[in-house]
Amino acid sequence: MNKEIEGEAALRKLVEIKDKKIWDMNLEIGKMTSELVNLRGAQQIVRKLDAEKQDYISTIKSLETALANALAEDHRQKEADELMMKKLEEIQDLENELALVKSTTVDNSPEMRDAKARIKELGAINESHQELNGNLRREITALEQEKLELHIDNKKLADQIQDQVERARKAGM
């Protein structure tokens, strides 16, 4: 009988040890599950931030392309300005020739009418070029301002990402 009691006591002791191990394992599984959930959450945040970063990079590339196009347009504008200066020289030459013609011929001669028409045409071209030049300069200024604003926004976003990464690290992720 004594051996029977000792056997039951030993069996109870083994059951207690097994229950304790199961309890400890369940606690460890709970901790691991919690850690896994945290890691998955952090992974989603990183993916989201990476997607936002890619969007900003794409926007910056588009703006850089727009700026390059605007600069190329500025180059074309300079060429147009040079052409306009040549035309202005032509106008001056024509005006000089007109003064000479006026001094030697009648104002209503065919050459005089042609010269006046050409002067008027070149004046209109000159005004058109000046207006175009002004519009392009305003557009370049606006694009430069937009680029600066995007650069500032990008810096703020990078700081926010860094803060979130640091908070995630501090939280044990």
N, C-alpha and C. Protein backbone atom coordinates (compact mmCIF):
# COMPACT_ATOMS: atom_id res chain seq x y z
N MET A 1 0.82 -1.18 0.00
CA MET A 1 0.00 0.00 0.00
C MET A 1 0.88 1.26 0.00
N ASN A 2 1.94 1.21 0.75
CA ASN A 2 2.86 2.33 0.86
C ASN A 2 3.49 2.61 -0.50
N LYS A 3 3.80 1.56 -1.20
CA LYS A 3 4.39 1.73 -2.53
C LYS A 3 3.36 2.31 -3.50
N GLU A 4 2.13 1.96 -3.30
CA GLU A 4 1.07 2.48 -4.13
C GLU A 4 0.90 3.99 -3.92
N ILE A 5 0.98 4.42 -2.67
CA ILE A 5 0.86 5.84 -2.33
C ILE A 5 2.07 6.60 -2.91
N GLU A 6 3.24 6.02 -2.77
CA GLU A 6 4.44 6.64 -3.31
C GLU A 6 4.35 6.74 -4.85
N GLY A 7 3.82 5.74 -5.49
CA GLY A 7 3.67 5.74 -6.95
C GLY A 7 2.69 6.82 -7.41
N GLU A 8 1.58 6.95 -6.63
CA GLU A 8 0.61 7.99 -6.98
C GLU A 8 1.21 9.38 -6.77
N ALA A 9 1.98 9.54 -5.71
CA ALA A 9 2.61 10.83 -5.42
C ALA A 9 3.61 11.17 -6.53
N ALA A 10 4.36 10.17 -6.96
CA ALA A 10 5.34 10.39 -8.02
C ALA A 10 4.61 10.74 -9.32
N LEU A 11 3.50 10.05 -9.57
CA LEU A 11 2.71 10.31 -10.78
C LEU A 11 2.14 11.73 -10.74
N ARG A 12 1.61 12.16 -9.58
CA ARG A 12 1.09 13.52 -9.43
C ARG A 12 2.19 14.54 -9.67
N LYS A 13 3.37 14.24 -9.12
CA LYS A 13 4.52 15.12 -9.30
C LYS A 13 4.86 15.26 -10.79
N LEU A 14 4.85 14.15 -11.52
CA LEU A 14 5.13 14.16 -12.96
C LEU A 14 4.06 14.96 -13.72
N VAL A 15 2.80 14.80 -13.31
CA VAL A 15 1.70 15.53 -13.95
C VAL A 15 1.87 17.03 -13.70
N GLU A 16 2.27 17.40 -12.46
CA GLU A 16 2.49 18.81 -12.14
C GLU A 16 3.63 19.38 -12.99
N ILE A 17 4.71 18.64 -13.11
CA ILE A 17 5.85 19.08 -13.91
C ILE A 17 5.43 19.25 -15.37
N LYS A 18 4.67 18.27 -15.90
CA LYS A 18 4.19 18.34 -17.28
C LYS A 18 3.28 19.55 -17.46
N ASP A 19 2.36 19.78 -16.51
CA ASP A 19 1.46 20.93 -16.60
C ASP A 19 2.24 22.25 -16.57
N LYS A 20 3.26 22.31 -15.71
CA LYS A 20 4.11 23.52 -15.62
C LYS A 20 4.81 23.75 -16.95
N LYS A 21 5.35 22.69 -17.56
CA LYS A 21 6.03 22.83 -18.85
C LYS A 21 5.05 23.28 -19.94
N ILE A 22 3.85 22.73 -19.93
CA ILE A 22 2.82 23.14 -20.92
C ILE A 22 2.48 24.60 -20.70
N TRP A 23 2.32 25.01 -19.45
CA TRP A 23 2.03 26.41 -19.14
C TRP A 23 3.15 27.32 -19.65
N ASP A 24 4.40 26.96 -19.35
CA ASP A 24 5.55 27.75 -19.80
C ASP A 24 5.61 27.81 -21.33
N MET A 25 5.33 26.69 -21.99
CA MET A 25 5.35 26.66 -23.45
C MET A 25 4.24 27.55 -24.03
N ASN A 26 3.06 27.51 -23.41
CA ASN A 26 1.96 28.37 -23.86
C ASN A 26 2.32 29.85 -23.70
N LEU A 27 2.97 30.19 -22.59
CA LEU A 27 3.43 31.57 -22.40
C LEU A 27 4.42 31.96 -23.49
N GLU A 28 5.37 31.09 -23.78
CA GLU A 28 6.38 31.35 -24.81
C GLU A 28 5.71 31.49 -26.19
N ILE A 29 4.73 30.65 -26.49
CA ILE A 29 3.99 30.74 -27.75
C ILE A 29 3.25 32.07 -27.82
N GLY A 30 2.67 32.51 -26.73
CA GLY A 30 1.98 33.80 -26.68
C GLY A 30 2.93 34.95 -26.96
N LYS A 31 4.11 34.90 -26.34
CA LYS A 31 5.12 35.94 -26.58
C LYS A 31 5.55 35.95 -28.05
N MET A 32 5.79 34.77 -28.59
CA MET A 32 6.23 34.67 -29.99
C MET A 32 5.13 35.16 -30.94
N THR A 33 3.88 34.84 -30.63
CA THR A 33 2.77 35.29 -31.45
C THR A 33 2.68 36.82 -31.44
N SER A 34 2.82 37.39 -30.24
CA SER A 34 2.79 38.85 -30.11
C SER A 34 3.93 39.48 -30.91
N GLU A 35 5.10 38.89 -30.81
CA GLU A 35 6.26 39.40 -31.55
C GLU A 35 6.02 39.30 -33.06
N LEU A 36 5.45 38.20 -33.51
CA LEU A 36 5.16 38.01 -34.92
C LEU A 36 4.18 39.07 -35.42
N VAL A 37 3.15 39.35 -34.63
CA VAL A 37 2.17 40.37 -35.01
C VAL A 37 2.86 41.73 -35.12
N ASN A 38 3.72 42.05 -34.15
CA ASN A 38 4.46 43.32 -34.19
C ASN A 38 5.35 43.39 -35.42
N LEU A 39 6.04 42.30 -35.74
CA LEU A 39 6.92 42.28 -36.90
C LEU A 39 6.13 42.45 -38.19
N ARG A 40 5.00 41.81 -38.27
CA ARG A 40 4.17 41.96 -39.48
C ARG A 40 3.66 43.38 -39.62
N GLY A 41 3.29 43.99 -38.50
CA GLY A 41 2.85 45.39 -38.53
C GLY A 41 3.98 46.30 -39.00
N ALA A 42 5.17 46.07 -38.47
CA ALA A 42 6.33 46.88 -38.88
C ALA A 42 6.63 46.66 -40.36
N GLN A 43 6.48 45.43 -40.80
CA GLN A 43 6.74 45.11 -42.21
C GLN A 43 5.75 45.87 -43.11
N GLN A 44 4.49 45.95 -42.69
CA GLN A 44 3.49 46.69 -43.47
C GLN A 44 3.83 48.18 -43.50
N ILE A 45 4.28 48.72 -42.38
CA ILE A 45 4.66 50.13 -42.33
C ILE A 45 5.82 50.39 -43.28
N VAL A 46 6.82 49.51 -43.24
CA VAL A 46 7.99 49.67 -44.12
C VAL A 46 7.57 49.59 -45.59
N ARG A 47 6.70 48.67 -45.92
CA ARG A 47 6.22 48.56 -47.31
C ARG A 47 5.48 49.82 -47.74
N LYS A 48 4.63 50.33 -46.83
CA LYS A 48 3.87 51.54 -47.14
C LYS A 48 4.82 52.72 -47.34
N LEU A 49 5.78 52.86 -46.45
CA LEU A 49 6.75 53.95 -46.57
C LEU A 49 7.58 53.82 -47.83
N ASP A 50 7.93 52.59 -48.18
CA ASP A 50 8.70 52.37 -49.40
C ASP A 50 7.89 52.77 -50.63
N ALA A 51 6.61 52.45 -50.62
CA ALA A 51 5.74 52.82 -51.74
C ALA A 51 5.63 54.35 -51.84
N GLU A 52 5.49 55.01 -50.69
CA GLU A 52 5.43 56.47 -50.69
C GLU A 52 6.74 57.05 -51.20
N LYS A 53 7.84 56.45 -50.78
CA LYS A 53 9.15 56.92 -51.24
C LYS A 53 9.25 56.79 -52.76
N GLN A 54 8.80 55.66 -53.30
CA GLN A 54 8.84 55.46 -54.75
C GLN A 54 7.98 56.50 -55.47
N ASP A 55 6.82 56.83 -54.87
CA ASP A 55 5.96 57.86 -55.46
C ASP A 55 6.68 59.21 -55.49
N TYR A 56 7.34 59.55 -54.40
CA TYR A 56 8.08 60.81 -54.35
C TYR A 56 9.22 60.81 -55.36
N ILE A 57 9.91 59.70 -55.46
CA ILE A 57 11.01 59.60 -56.43
C ILE A 57 10.47 59.80 -57.84
N SER A 58 9.34 59.18 -58.13
CA SER A 58 8.72 59.33 -59.45
C SER A 58 8.33 60.79 -59.71
N THR A 59 7.76 61.42 -58.69
CA THR A 59 7.37 62.83 -58.83
C THR A 59 8.60 63.70 -59.06
N ILE A 60 9.66 63.44 -58.33
CA ILE A 60 10.89 64.22 -58.48
C ILE A 60 11.45 64.03 -59.88
N LYS A 61 11.44 62.80 -60.38
CA LYS A 61 11.95 62.55 -61.73
C LYS A 61 11.11 63.29 -62.77
N SER A 62 9.80 63.31 -62.57
CA SER A 62 8.92 64.03 -63.50
C SER A 62 9.22 65.52 -63.47
N LEU A 63 9.44 66.04 -62.27
CA LEU A 63 9.74 67.46 -62.15
C LEU A 63 11.11 67.79 -62.75
N GLU A 64 12.06 66.89 -62.56
CA GLU A 64 13.38 67.11 -63.16
C GLU A 64 13.28 67.12 -64.68
N THR A 65 12.45 66.23 -65.22
CA THR A 65 12.23 66.20 -66.67
C THR A 65 11.57 67.50 -67.13
N ALA A 66 10.58 67.96 -66.37
CA ALA A 66 9.90 69.21 -66.71
C ALA A 66 10.87 70.38 -66.66
N LEU A 67 11.73 70.37 -65.65
CA LEU A 67 12.72 71.44 -65.55
C LEU A 67 13.70 71.39 -66.71
N ALA A 68 14.14 70.18 -67.07
CA ALA A 68 15.05 70.05 -68.21
C ALA A 68 14.38 70.56 -69.49
N ASN A 69 13.10 70.23 -69.64
CA ASN A 69 12.36 70.73 -70.81
C ASN A 69 12.25 72.25 -70.78
N ALA A 70 12.02 72.79 -69.60
CA ALA A 70 11.91 74.25 -69.48
C ALA A 70 13.25 74.90 -69.79
N LEU A 71 14.33 74.28 -69.33
CA LEU A 71 15.65 74.83 -69.63
C LEU A 71 15.95 74.74 -71.13
N ALA A 72 15.53 73.65 -71.74
CA ALA A 72 15.71 73.53 -73.19
C ALA A 72 14.89 74.60 -73.90
N GLU A 73 13.69 74.84 -73.39
CA GLU A 73 12.85 75.89 -73.96
C GLU A 73 13.51 77.25 -73.78
N ASP A 74 14.17 77.44 -72.63
CA ASP A 74 14.90 78.69 -72.39
C ASP A 74 16.00 78.85 -73.43
N HIS A 75 16.68 77.74 -73.76
CA HIS A 75 17.72 77.79 -74.79
C HIS A 75 17.11 78.19 -76.14
N ARG A 76 15.97 77.58 -76.44
CA ARG A 76 15.29 77.94 -77.69
C ARG A 76 14.86 79.41 -77.67
N GLN A 77 14.49 79.88 -76.48
CA GLN A 77 14.10 81.28 -76.36
C GLN A 77 15.30 82.19 -76.63
N LYS A 78 16.47 81.78 -76.15
CA LYS A 78 17.68 82.57 -76.41
C LYS A 78 17.95 82.63 -77.91
N GLU A 79 17.77 81.49 -78.58
CA GLU A 79 17.94 81.48 -80.03
C GLU A 79 16.93 82.40 -80.69
N ALA A 80 15.70 82.38 -80.18
CA ALA A 80 14.66 83.26 -80.73
C ALA A 80 15.03 84.72 -80.48
N ASP A 81 15.62 85.00 -79.30
CA ASP A 81 16.05 86.36 -79.00
C ASP A 81 17.15 86.81 -79.96
N GLU A 82 18.08 85.90 -80.24
CA GLU A 82 19.15 86.23 -81.20
C GLU A 82 18.56 86.52 -82.58
N LEU A 83 17.61 85.66 -82.97
CA LEU A 83 16.95 85.89 -84.25
C LEU A 83 16.22 87.23 -84.25
N MET A 84 15.58 87.54 -83.12
CA MET A 84 14.87 88.80 -83.00
C MET A 84 15.85 89.97 -83.12
N MET A 85 17.02 89.84 -82.53
CA MET A 85 18.01 90.91 -82.63
C MET A 85 18.45 91.09 -84.09
N LYS A 86 18.63 89.98 -84.79
CA LYS A 86 18.97 90.08 -86.22
C LYS A 86 17.85 90.79 -86.98
N LYS A 87 16.61 90.42 -86.63
CA LYS A 87 15.46 91.05 -87.30
C LYS A 87 15.42 92.54 -86.97
N LEU A 88 15.75 92.88 -85.72
CA LEU A 88 15.78 94.30 -85.36
C LEU A 88 16.85 95.05 -86.17
N GLU A 89 17.98 94.39 -86.37
CA GLU A 89 19.02 94.99 -87.21
C GLU A 89 18.50 95.17 -88.63
N GLU A 90 17.77 94.15 -89.11
CA GLU A 90 17.18 94.27 -90.45
C GLU A 90 16.21 95.44 -90.49
N ILE A 91 15.43 95.58 -89.41
CA ILE A 91 14.48 96.69 -89.34
C ILE A 91 15.23 98.02 -89.40
N GLN A 92 16.31 98.10 -88.64
CA GLN A 92 17.09 99.34 -88.65
C GLN A 92 17.65 99.61 -90.04
N ASP A 93 18.16 98.56 -90.67
CA ASP A 93 18.67 98.71 -92.04
C ASP A 93 17.56 99.17 -92.98
N LEU A 94 16.39 98.56 -92.82
CA LEU A 94 15.26 98.95 -93.67
C LEU A 94 14.83 100.38 -93.40
N GLU A 95 14.84 100.79 -92.15
CA GLU A 95 14.48 102.16 -91.83
C GLU A 95 15.48 103.14 -92.44
N ASN A 96 16.77 102.77 -92.38
CA ASN A 96 17.79 103.62 -93.01
C ASN A 96 17.57 103.71 -94.52
N GLU A 97 17.28 102.53 -95.10
CA GLU A 97 17.03 102.51 -96.54
C GLU A 97 15.77 103.30 -96.86
N LEU A 98 14.78 103.19 -95.99
CA LEU A 98 13.53 103.94 -96.19
C LEU A 98 13.80 105.43 -96.13
N ALA A 99 14.61 105.85 -95.20
CA ALA A 99 14.94 107.28 -95.11
C ALA A 99 15.61 107.74 -96.40
N LEU A 100 16.49 106.88 -96.91
CA LEU A 100 17.17 107.21 -98.16
C LEU A 100 16.17 107.28 -99.31
N VAL A 101 15.27 106.29 -99.35
CA VAL A 101 14.27 106.25 -100.42
C VAL A 101 13.35 107.46 -100.32
N LYS A 102 12.96 107.81 -99.08
CA LYS A 102 12.09 108.97 -98.90
C LYS A 102 12.76 110.23 -99.43
N SER A 103 14.03 110.28 -99.18
CA SER A 103 14.72 111.50 -99.62
C SER A 103 14.85 111.55 -101.14
N THR A 104 14.75 110.41 -101.80
CA THR A 104 14.95 110.41 -103.25
C THR A 104 13.68 110.09 -104.03
N THR A 105 12.68 109.48 -103.39
CA THR A 105 11.47 109.09 -104.13
C THR A 105 10.23 109.53 -103.38
N VAL A 106 9.12 109.22 -103.95
CA VAL A 106 7.82 109.56 -103.38
C VAL A 106 7.44 108.50 -102.34
N ASP A 107 6.75 108.91 -101.26
CA ASP A 107 6.35 108.02 -100.17
C ASP A 107 5.48 106.86 -100.63
N ASN A 108 4.71 107.00 -101.66
CA ASN A 108 3.77 105.97 -102.08
C ASN A 108 4.30 105.01 -103.14
N SER A 109 5.58 104.97 -103.33
CA SER A 109 6.13 104.05 -104.32
C SER A 109 5.96 102.61 -103.84
N PRO A 110 5.95 101.62 -104.75
CA PRO A 110 5.79 100.21 -104.36
C PRO A 110 6.87 99.76 -103.37
N GLU A 111 8.07 100.21 -103.56
CA GLU A 111 9.15 99.83 -102.66
C GLU A 111 8.88 100.36 -101.26
N MET A 112 8.35 101.58 -101.20
CA MET A 112 8.05 102.20 -99.91
C MET A 112 6.95 101.44 -99.19
N ARG A 113 5.92 101.07 -99.94
CA ARG A 113 4.82 100.31 -99.33
C ARG A 113 5.33 98.96 -98.83
N ASP A 114 6.16 98.29 -99.63
CA ASP A 114 6.73 96.99 -99.21
C ASP A 114 7.58 97.15 -97.95
N ALA A 115 8.37 98.19 -97.91
CA ALA A 115 9.23 98.42 -96.75
C ALA A 115 8.39 98.68 -95.50
N LYS A 116 7.34 99.49 -95.64
CA LYS A 116 6.48 99.77 -94.49
C LYS A 116 5.79 98.50 -94.00
N ALA A 117 5.32 97.69 -94.93
CA ALA A 117 4.66 96.43 -94.56
C ALA A 117 5.65 95.51 -93.83
N ARG A 118 6.88 95.46 -94.35
CA ARG A 118 7.91 94.61 -93.72
C ARG A 118 8.25 95.11 -92.32
N ILE A 119 8.33 96.41 -92.17
CA ILE A 119 8.61 96.99 -90.85
C ILE A 119 7.49 96.64 -89.87
N LYS A 120 6.27 96.75 -90.33
CA LYS A 120 5.12 96.42 -89.49
C LYS A 120 5.16 94.94 -89.10
N GLU A 121 5.45 94.08 -90.07
CA GLU A 121 5.54 92.63 -89.84
C GLU A 121 6.63 92.31 -88.82
N LEU A 122 7.79 92.91 -88.98
CA LEU A 122 8.89 92.66 -88.06
C LEU A 122 8.59 93.21 -86.66
N GLY A 123 7.88 94.30 -86.59
CA GLY A 123 7.46 94.85 -85.29
C GLY A 123 6.53 93.87 -84.57
N ALA A 124 5.59 93.27 -85.31
CA ALA A 124 4.68 92.28 -84.73
C ALA A 124 5.46 91.05 -84.25
N ILE A 125 6.42 90.62 -85.04
CA ILE A 125 7.25 89.47 -84.64
C ILE A 125 8.01 89.80 -83.37
N ASN A 126 8.55 91.01 -83.32
CA ASN A 126 9.29 91.45 -82.14
C ASN A 126 8.39 91.40 -80.89
N GLU A 127 7.18 91.94 -81.00
CA GLU A 127 6.25 91.93 -79.86
C GLU A 127 5.91 90.49 -79.45
N SER A 128 5.68 89.63 -80.43
CA SER A 128 5.37 88.23 -80.15
C SER A 128 6.50 87.55 -79.40
N HIS A 129 7.72 87.82 -79.85
CA HIS A 129 8.89 87.22 -79.19
C HIS A 129 9.05 87.72 -77.76
N GLN A 130 8.81 89.01 -77.56
CA GLN A 130 8.92 89.56 -76.22
C GLN A 130 7.87 88.95 -75.29
N GLU A 131 6.65 88.78 -75.78
CA GLU A 131 5.59 88.17 -74.97
C GLU A 131 5.93 86.72 -74.64
N LEU A 132 6.39 85.99 -75.65
CA LEU A 132 6.77 84.59 -75.45
C LEU A 132 7.90 84.50 -74.43
N ASN A 133 8.88 85.36 -74.53
CA ASN A 133 10.01 85.38 -73.60
C ASN A 133 9.52 85.61 -72.17
N GLY A 134 8.62 86.57 -71.99
CA GLY A 134 8.07 86.85 -70.66
C GLY A 134 7.32 85.65 -70.10
N ASN A 135 6.49 85.00 -70.93
CA ASN A 135 5.73 83.83 -70.48
C ASN A 135 6.65 82.70 -70.06
N LEU A 136 7.69 82.46 -70.85
CA LEU A 136 8.62 81.37 -70.53
C LEU A 136 9.37 81.66 -69.24
N ARG A 137 9.75 82.87 -69.04
CA ARG A 137 10.47 83.22 -67.80
C ARG A 137 9.57 83.01 -66.58
N ARG A 138 8.30 83.38 -66.69
CA ARG A 138 7.36 83.14 -65.58
C ARG A 138 7.20 81.64 -65.32
N GLU A 139 7.10 80.87 -66.38
CA GLU A 139 6.93 79.41 -66.24
C GLU A 139 8.16 78.78 -65.60
N ILE A 140 9.34 79.22 -65.99
CA ILE A 140 10.59 78.70 -65.39
C ILE A 140 10.62 79.04 -63.90
N THR A 141 10.26 80.25 -63.56
CA THR A 141 10.25 80.66 -62.15
C THR A 141 9.28 79.78 -61.35
N ALA A 142 8.10 79.53 -61.90
CA ALA A 142 7.11 78.69 -61.22
C ALA A 142 7.64 77.27 -61.04
N LEU A 143 8.28 76.73 -62.05
CA LEU A 143 8.82 75.37 -61.96
C LEU A 143 9.96 75.29 -60.94
N GLU A 144 10.78 76.33 -60.91
CA GLU A 144 11.87 76.33 -59.92
C GLU A 144 11.30 76.39 -58.51
N GLN A 145 10.26 77.19 -58.31
CA GLN A 145 9.61 77.28 -56.99
C GLN A 145 9.00 75.93 -56.62
N GLU A 146 8.35 75.29 -57.56
CA GLU A 146 7.73 73.98 -57.29
C GLU A 146 8.78 72.94 -56.94
N LYS A 147 9.93 73.00 -57.62
CA LYS A 147 11.01 72.06 -57.32
C LYS A 147 11.52 72.28 -55.89
N LEU A 148 11.68 73.53 -55.52
CA LEU A 148 12.14 73.83 -54.16
C LEU A 148 11.14 73.33 -53.13
N GLU A 149 9.85 73.53 -53.38
CA GLU A 149 8.83 73.07 -52.45
C GLU A 149 8.83 71.55 -52.34
N LEU A 150 9.00 70.86 -53.44
CA LEU A 150 9.06 69.40 -53.41
C LEU A 150 10.30 68.91 -52.67
N HIS A 151 11.39 69.62 -52.83
CA HIS A 151 12.62 69.26 -52.11
C HIS A 151 12.38 69.37 -50.60
N ILE A 152 11.70 70.45 -50.19
CA ILE A 152 11.40 70.64 -48.77
C ILE A 152 10.46 69.54 -48.29
N ASP A 153 9.42 69.25 -49.06
CA ASP A 153 8.47 68.18 -48.70
C ASP A 153 9.18 66.83 -48.60
N ASN A 154 10.08 66.57 -49.53
CA ASN A 154 10.83 65.31 -49.54
C ASN A 154 11.68 65.20 -48.28
N LYS A 155 12.31 66.30 -47.87
CA LYS A 155 13.12 66.32 -46.66
C LYS A 155 12.26 66.04 -45.44
N LYS A 156 11.08 66.67 -45.38
CA LYS A 156 10.18 66.43 -44.26
C LYS A 156 9.75 64.96 -44.22
N LEU A 157 9.45 64.40 -45.37
CA LEU A 157 9.04 62.99 -45.42
C LEU A 157 10.17 62.08 -44.97
N ALA A 158 11.38 62.38 -45.39
CA ALA A 158 12.53 61.57 -44.98
C ALA A 158 12.69 61.64 -43.46
N ASP A 159 12.50 62.84 -42.88
CA ASP A 159 12.59 62.98 -41.43
C ASP A 159 11.49 62.18 -40.74
N GLN A 160 10.27 62.21 -41.29
CA GLN A 160 9.16 61.44 -40.71
C GLN A 160 9.45 59.95 -40.77
N ILE A 161 9.97 59.49 -41.88
CA ILE A 161 10.30 58.07 -42.03
C ILE A 161 11.35 57.68 -41.00
N GLN A 162 12.37 58.52 -40.86
CA GLN A 162 13.44 58.25 -39.89
C GLN A 162 12.86 58.18 -38.48
N ASP A 163 11.96 59.12 -38.14
CA ASP A 163 11.34 59.12 -36.81
C ASP A 163 10.54 57.83 -36.59
N GLN A 164 9.78 57.40 -37.60
CA GLN A 164 8.98 56.19 -37.46
C GLN A 164 9.86 54.95 -37.32
N VAL A 165 10.94 54.92 -38.06
CA VAL A 165 11.87 53.78 -37.96
C VAL A 165 12.49 53.75 -36.57
N GLU A 166 12.87 54.92 -36.05
CA GLU A 166 13.47 54.97 -34.72
C GLU A 166 12.46 54.55 -33.66
N ARG A 167 11.22 55.02 -33.80
CA ARG A 167 10.17 54.61 -32.84
C ARG A 167 9.94 53.10 -32.92
N ALA A 168 9.96 52.57 -34.11
CA ALA A 168 9.76 51.12 -34.27
C ALA A 168 10.91 50.35 -33.62
N ARG A 169 12.11 50.85 -33.78
CA ARG A 169 13.27 50.18 -33.17
C ARG A 169 13.18 50.25 -31.65
N LYS A 170 12.79 51.43 -31.15
CA LYS A 170 12.67 51.58 -29.69
C LYS A 170 11.57 50.69 -29.14
N ALA A 171 10.56 50.44 -29.93
CA ALA A 171 9.45 49.59 -29.47
C ALA A 171 9.83 48.10 -29.54
N GLY A 172 11.05 47.82 -29.99
CA GLY A 172 11.52 46.44 -29.98
C GLY A 172 11.28 45.70 -31.26
N MET A 173 11.10 46.41 -32.35
CA MET A 173 10.85 45.73 -33.62
C MET A 173 12.13 45.45 -34.31
